[in-house]
N, C-alpha and C. Protein backbone atom coordinates (compact mmCIF):
# COMPACT_ATOMS: atom_id res chain seq x y z
N MET A 1 47.91 129.06 -135.69
CA MET A 1 47.40 128.17 -136.72
C MET A 1 48.53 127.48 -137.47
N GLN A 2 49.61 128.23 -137.71
CA GLN A 2 50.75 127.66 -138.41
C GLN A 2 51.39 126.53 -137.60
N LYS A 3 51.45 126.69 -136.28
CA LYS A 3 52.03 125.65 -135.42
C LYS A 3 51.23 124.36 -135.50
N ILE A 4 49.93 124.48 -135.57
CA ILE A 4 49.06 123.29 -135.66
C ILE A 4 49.34 122.53 -136.95
N LYS A 5 49.56 123.24 -138.04
CA LYS A 5 49.86 122.58 -139.32
C LYS A 5 51.17 121.80 -139.21
N TYR A 6 52.18 122.41 -138.58
CA TYR A 6 53.46 121.73 -138.42
C TYR A 6 53.34 120.50 -137.52
N ILE A 7 52.57 120.62 -136.48
CA ILE A 7 52.37 119.48 -135.57
C ILE A 7 51.65 118.35 -136.30
N LEU A 8 50.62 118.68 -137.07
CA LEU A 8 49.89 117.65 -137.83
C LEU A 8 50.79 117.00 -138.87
N LEU A 9 51.62 117.79 -139.53
CA LEU A 9 52.55 117.24 -140.51
C LEU A 9 53.54 116.29 -139.84
N LEU A 10 54.09 116.70 -138.70
CA LEU A 10 55.03 115.87 -137.97
C LEU A 10 54.39 114.56 -137.53
N LEU A 11 53.17 114.62 -137.01
CA LEU A 11 52.47 113.41 -136.58
C LEU A 11 52.20 112.48 -137.76
N SER A 12 51.85 113.04 -138.91
CA SER A 12 51.61 112.23 -140.11
C SER A 12 52.87 111.50 -140.54
N VAL A 13 54.00 112.21 -140.54
CA VAL A 13 55.27 111.59 -140.93
C VAL A 13 55.64 110.48 -139.95
N LEU A 14 55.49 110.72 -138.67
CA LEU A 14 55.81 109.69 -137.67
C LEU A 14 54.90 108.47 -137.82
N PHE A 15 53.62 108.71 -138.05
CA PHE A 15 52.67 107.60 -138.20
C PHE A 15 53.01 106.78 -139.44
N LEU A 16 53.24 107.43 -140.56
CA LEU A 16 53.54 106.70 -141.79
C LEU A 16 54.88 105.98 -141.70
N GLY A 17 55.84 106.59 -141.03
CA GLY A 17 57.13 105.94 -140.85
C GLY A 17 57.00 104.68 -140.02
N GLY A 18 56.15 104.68 -139.02
CA GLY A 18 55.94 103.51 -138.18
C GLY A 18 55.23 102.39 -138.90
N CYS A 19 54.49 102.70 -139.96
CA CYS A 19 53.74 101.69 -140.70
C CYS A 19 54.60 100.97 -141.73
N SER A 20 55.79 101.48 -142.01
CA SER A 20 56.56 100.94 -143.12
C SER A 20 57.76 100.12 -142.68
N GLU A 21 57.68 99.47 -141.54
CA GLU A 21 58.79 98.66 -141.07
C GLU A 21 59.00 97.48 -142.02
N GLY A 22 60.22 97.33 -142.48
CA GLY A 22 60.56 96.19 -143.31
C GLY A 22 61.07 95.05 -142.45
N PRO A 23 61.64 94.03 -143.09
CA PRO A 23 62.11 92.87 -142.33
C PRO A 23 63.35 93.14 -141.49
N GLY A 24 64.07 94.23 -141.75
CA GLY A 24 65.27 94.54 -140.96
C GLY A 24 66.29 93.42 -141.03
N GLU A 25 66.78 92.97 -139.88
CA GLU A 25 67.79 91.90 -139.82
C GLU A 25 67.27 90.58 -140.38
N LEU A 26 65.97 90.45 -140.50
CA LEU A 26 65.37 89.21 -141.01
C LEU A 26 65.43 89.15 -142.54
N GLU A 27 65.71 90.26 -143.19
CA GLU A 27 65.73 90.28 -144.65
C GLU A 27 66.77 89.31 -145.19
N GLY A 28 66.36 88.54 -146.19
CA GLY A 28 67.26 87.57 -146.82
C GLY A 28 66.65 86.18 -146.84
N THR A 29 67.49 85.19 -147.13
CA THR A 29 67.04 83.81 -147.24
C THR A 29 67.60 83.01 -146.08
N TRP A 30 66.71 82.25 -145.45
CA TRP A 30 67.04 81.48 -144.24
C TRP A 30 66.70 80.01 -144.45
N LYS A 31 67.54 79.13 -143.92
CA LYS A 31 67.26 77.70 -143.90
C LYS A 31 66.78 77.35 -142.51
N MET A 32 65.61 76.74 -142.43
CA MET A 32 65.00 76.39 -141.15
C MET A 32 65.16 74.90 -140.92
N SER A 33 65.62 74.54 -139.72
CA SER A 33 65.70 73.13 -139.33
C SER A 33 64.76 72.93 -138.15
N GLY A 34 64.39 71.72 -137.90
CA GLY A 34 63.48 71.45 -136.79
C GLY A 34 62.23 70.75 -137.29
N LEU A 35 61.08 71.16 -136.77
CA LEU A 35 59.82 70.53 -137.15
C LEU A 35 59.56 70.58 -138.64
N VAL A 36 59.86 71.72 -139.25
CA VAL A 36 59.57 71.92 -140.67
C VAL A 36 60.85 72.39 -141.37
N PRO A 37 61.66 71.47 -141.92
CA PRO A 37 62.89 71.90 -142.60
C PRO A 37 62.55 72.49 -143.97
N LEU A 38 62.79 73.79 -144.12
CA LEU A 38 62.53 74.45 -145.40
C LEU A 38 63.33 75.73 -145.51
N VAL A 39 63.26 76.35 -146.68
CA VAL A 39 63.96 77.61 -146.95
C VAL A 39 62.93 78.72 -147.05
N VAL A 40 63.18 79.83 -146.35
CA VAL A 40 62.24 80.96 -146.31
C VAL A 40 62.99 82.22 -146.68
N THR A 41 62.39 83.04 -147.56
CA THR A 41 62.98 84.32 -147.94
C THR A 41 62.07 85.44 -147.46
N TYR A 42 62.67 86.41 -146.77
CA TYR A 42 61.93 87.58 -146.28
C TYR A 42 62.36 88.80 -147.07
N ARG A 43 61.38 89.48 -147.68
CA ARG A 43 61.60 90.73 -148.42
C ARG A 43 60.63 91.76 -147.88
N ASP A 44 60.82 92.99 -148.30
CA ASP A 44 59.93 94.06 -147.87
C ASP A 44 58.49 93.74 -148.26
N GLY A 45 57.64 93.48 -147.28
CA GLY A 45 56.22 93.21 -147.51
C GLY A 45 55.89 91.80 -147.95
N GLU A 46 56.90 90.91 -148.04
CA GLU A 46 56.65 89.56 -148.53
C GLU A 46 57.46 88.52 -147.77
N GLU A 47 56.92 87.30 -147.79
CA GLU A 47 57.65 86.12 -147.35
C GLU A 47 57.44 85.07 -148.42
N GLU A 48 58.52 84.38 -148.82
CA GLU A 48 58.40 83.33 -149.83
C GLU A 48 58.87 82.01 -149.26
N THR A 49 58.02 81.00 -149.35
CA THR A 49 58.33 79.65 -148.88
C THR A 49 57.79 78.66 -149.90
N MET A 50 58.63 77.73 -150.35
CA MET A 50 58.23 76.69 -151.31
C MET A 50 57.54 77.29 -152.53
N GLY A 51 58.03 78.43 -153.01
CA GLY A 51 57.48 79.07 -154.20
C GLY A 51 56.19 79.84 -153.95
N ILE A 52 55.70 79.86 -152.74
CA ILE A 52 54.48 80.59 -152.41
C ILE A 52 54.87 81.92 -151.78
N ILE A 53 54.40 83.00 -152.38
CA ILE A 53 54.70 84.34 -151.87
C ILE A 53 53.48 84.85 -151.12
N SER A 54 53.70 85.22 -149.87
CA SER A 54 52.63 85.74 -149.02
C SER A 54 52.93 87.19 -148.68
N LYS A 55 51.90 88.01 -148.67
CA LYS A 55 52.03 89.39 -148.23
C LYS A 55 52.07 89.39 -146.71
N VAL A 56 53.05 90.10 -146.14
CA VAL A 56 53.20 90.15 -144.69
C VAL A 56 53.54 91.57 -144.26
N SER A 57 53.38 91.81 -142.97
CA SER A 57 53.88 93.05 -142.37
C SER A 57 54.83 92.65 -141.26
N TYR A 58 55.75 93.54 -140.94
CA TYR A 58 56.76 93.27 -139.93
C TYR A 58 56.66 94.30 -138.80
N GLU A 59 56.83 93.83 -137.58
CA GLU A 59 56.89 94.71 -136.42
C GLU A 59 58.10 94.27 -135.59
N HIS A 60 58.91 95.23 -135.20
CA HIS A 60 60.13 94.93 -134.45
C HIS A 60 59.93 95.26 -132.98
N ASN A 61 60.37 94.33 -132.13
CA ASN A 61 60.25 94.51 -130.69
C ASN A 61 61.51 93.91 -130.05
N GLY A 62 62.54 94.74 -129.85
CA GLY A 62 63.81 94.22 -129.35
C GLY A 62 64.43 93.29 -130.37
N ASN A 63 64.79 92.07 -129.94
CA ASN A 63 65.36 91.07 -130.86
C ASN A 63 64.29 90.29 -131.61
N ASP A 64 63.03 90.55 -131.33
CA ASP A 64 61.94 89.84 -131.98
C ASP A 64 61.43 90.58 -133.20
N VAL A 65 61.13 89.82 -134.24
CA VAL A 65 60.44 90.35 -135.41
C VAL A 65 59.11 89.61 -135.48
N LEU A 66 58.01 90.36 -135.43
CA LEU A 66 56.68 89.76 -135.54
C LEU A 66 56.25 89.85 -137.00
N VAL A 67 56.04 88.69 -137.61
CA VAL A 67 55.64 88.60 -139.01
C VAL A 67 54.15 88.28 -139.03
N THR A 68 53.34 89.21 -139.55
CA THR A 68 51.89 89.02 -139.61
C THR A 68 51.49 88.82 -141.06
N TYR A 69 50.77 87.75 -141.32
CA TYR A 69 50.34 87.41 -142.68
C TYR A 69 49.09 88.20 -143.04
N ILE A 70 49.16 88.89 -144.18
CA ILE A 70 48.07 89.76 -144.62
C ILE A 70 47.12 89.02 -145.55
N ASP A 71 47.60 87.97 -146.23
CA ASP A 71 46.73 87.21 -147.12
C ASP A 71 47.12 85.73 -147.07
N GLY A 72 46.43 84.92 -147.83
CA GLY A 72 46.73 83.50 -147.90
C GLY A 72 46.11 82.70 -146.76
N MET A 73 46.52 81.43 -146.66
CA MET A 73 45.95 80.52 -145.66
C MET A 73 46.23 80.96 -144.24
N ALA A 74 47.36 81.64 -144.03
CA ALA A 74 47.74 82.06 -142.68
C ALA A 74 47.28 83.48 -142.36
N LYS A 75 46.40 84.03 -143.18
CA LYS A 75 45.95 85.41 -143.01
C LYS A 75 45.54 85.68 -141.55
N GLY A 76 46.09 86.78 -141.00
CA GLY A 76 45.77 87.16 -139.63
C GLY A 76 46.65 86.52 -138.57
N THR A 77 47.49 85.57 -138.98
CA THR A 77 48.37 84.88 -138.04
C THR A 77 49.67 85.65 -137.91
N THR A 78 50.21 85.71 -136.69
CA THR A 78 51.49 86.37 -136.45
C THR A 78 52.48 85.34 -135.92
N MET A 79 53.69 85.34 -136.50
CA MET A 79 54.76 84.45 -136.07
C MET A 79 55.89 85.29 -135.47
N ARG A 80 56.37 84.89 -134.31
CA ARG A 80 57.48 85.58 -133.67
C ARG A 80 58.78 84.90 -134.06
N ILE A 81 59.72 85.69 -134.59
CA ILE A 81 61.05 85.19 -134.92
C ILE A 81 62.04 86.00 -134.09
N THR A 82 62.87 85.30 -133.33
CA THR A 82 63.84 85.96 -132.47
C THR A 82 65.22 85.88 -133.11
N ILE A 83 65.82 87.05 -133.34
CA ILE A 83 67.17 87.10 -133.88
C ILE A 83 68.13 86.76 -132.73
N THR A 84 68.91 85.67 -132.90
CA THR A 84 69.80 85.21 -131.83
C THR A 84 71.27 85.52 -132.12
N GLY A 85 71.59 85.93 -133.33
CA GLY A 85 72.95 86.26 -133.72
C GLY A 85 72.95 86.89 -135.08
N PRO A 86 74.12 87.24 -135.62
CA PRO A 86 74.16 87.92 -136.92
C PRO A 86 73.57 87.08 -138.06
N ASN A 87 73.65 85.77 -137.98
CA ASN A 87 73.13 84.89 -139.03
C ASN A 87 72.28 83.76 -138.47
N THR A 88 71.73 83.96 -137.27
CA THR A 88 70.91 82.91 -136.66
C THR A 88 69.65 83.52 -136.06
N ALA A 89 68.61 82.71 -136.06
CA ALA A 89 67.33 83.12 -135.47
C ALA A 89 66.58 81.86 -135.06
N LYS A 90 65.50 82.05 -134.31
CA LYS A 90 64.66 80.90 -133.98
C LYS A 90 63.20 81.32 -134.02
N SER A 91 62.38 80.36 -134.39
CA SER A 91 60.93 80.58 -134.41
C SER A 91 60.28 79.36 -133.76
N GLY A 92 58.98 79.39 -133.69
CA GLY A 92 58.26 78.26 -133.12
C GLY A 92 58.37 77.01 -133.97
N LEU A 93 58.80 77.16 -135.22
CA LEU A 93 58.93 76.01 -136.12
C LEU A 93 60.33 75.44 -136.15
N GLY A 94 61.31 76.14 -135.58
CA GLY A 94 62.67 75.61 -135.56
C GLY A 94 63.72 76.70 -135.59
N ASN A 95 64.98 76.27 -135.58
CA ASN A 95 66.11 77.18 -135.66
C ASN A 95 66.37 77.56 -137.10
N MET A 96 66.87 78.79 -137.29
CA MET A 96 67.06 79.31 -138.64
C MET A 96 68.51 79.79 -138.80
N THR A 97 69.09 79.53 -139.98
CA THR A 97 70.42 80.00 -140.32
C THR A 97 70.32 80.77 -141.64
N LYS A 98 70.89 81.97 -141.66
CA LYS A 98 70.84 82.80 -142.86
C LYS A 98 71.79 82.24 -143.90
N ILE A 99 71.30 82.05 -145.13
CA ILE A 99 72.15 81.50 -146.19
C ILE A 99 72.40 82.52 -147.30
N LYS A 100 71.63 83.60 -147.36
CA LYS A 100 71.85 84.67 -148.35
C LYS A 100 71.48 85.99 -147.75
């Protein structure tokens, strides 16, 4: 019975740890060029663009960060951002350069 408790505790910790992925390498402020030239800031659980703060979740898959919008006009939409270097990334909207 004691082993089952430890296994359940371990599974709970692993599950909760997997749910709390932050922006990782994407954290910070980025300038986007291309179709939509703008500045985007990624923080834990948030994305800020043009003064609008949206709640988001992050999922990491290799060099890709999947940003899923939890509220706002883009609710339910996921954007793939590929980290291409220490201060560069690209998305479907254009190339990104980290400025902060």
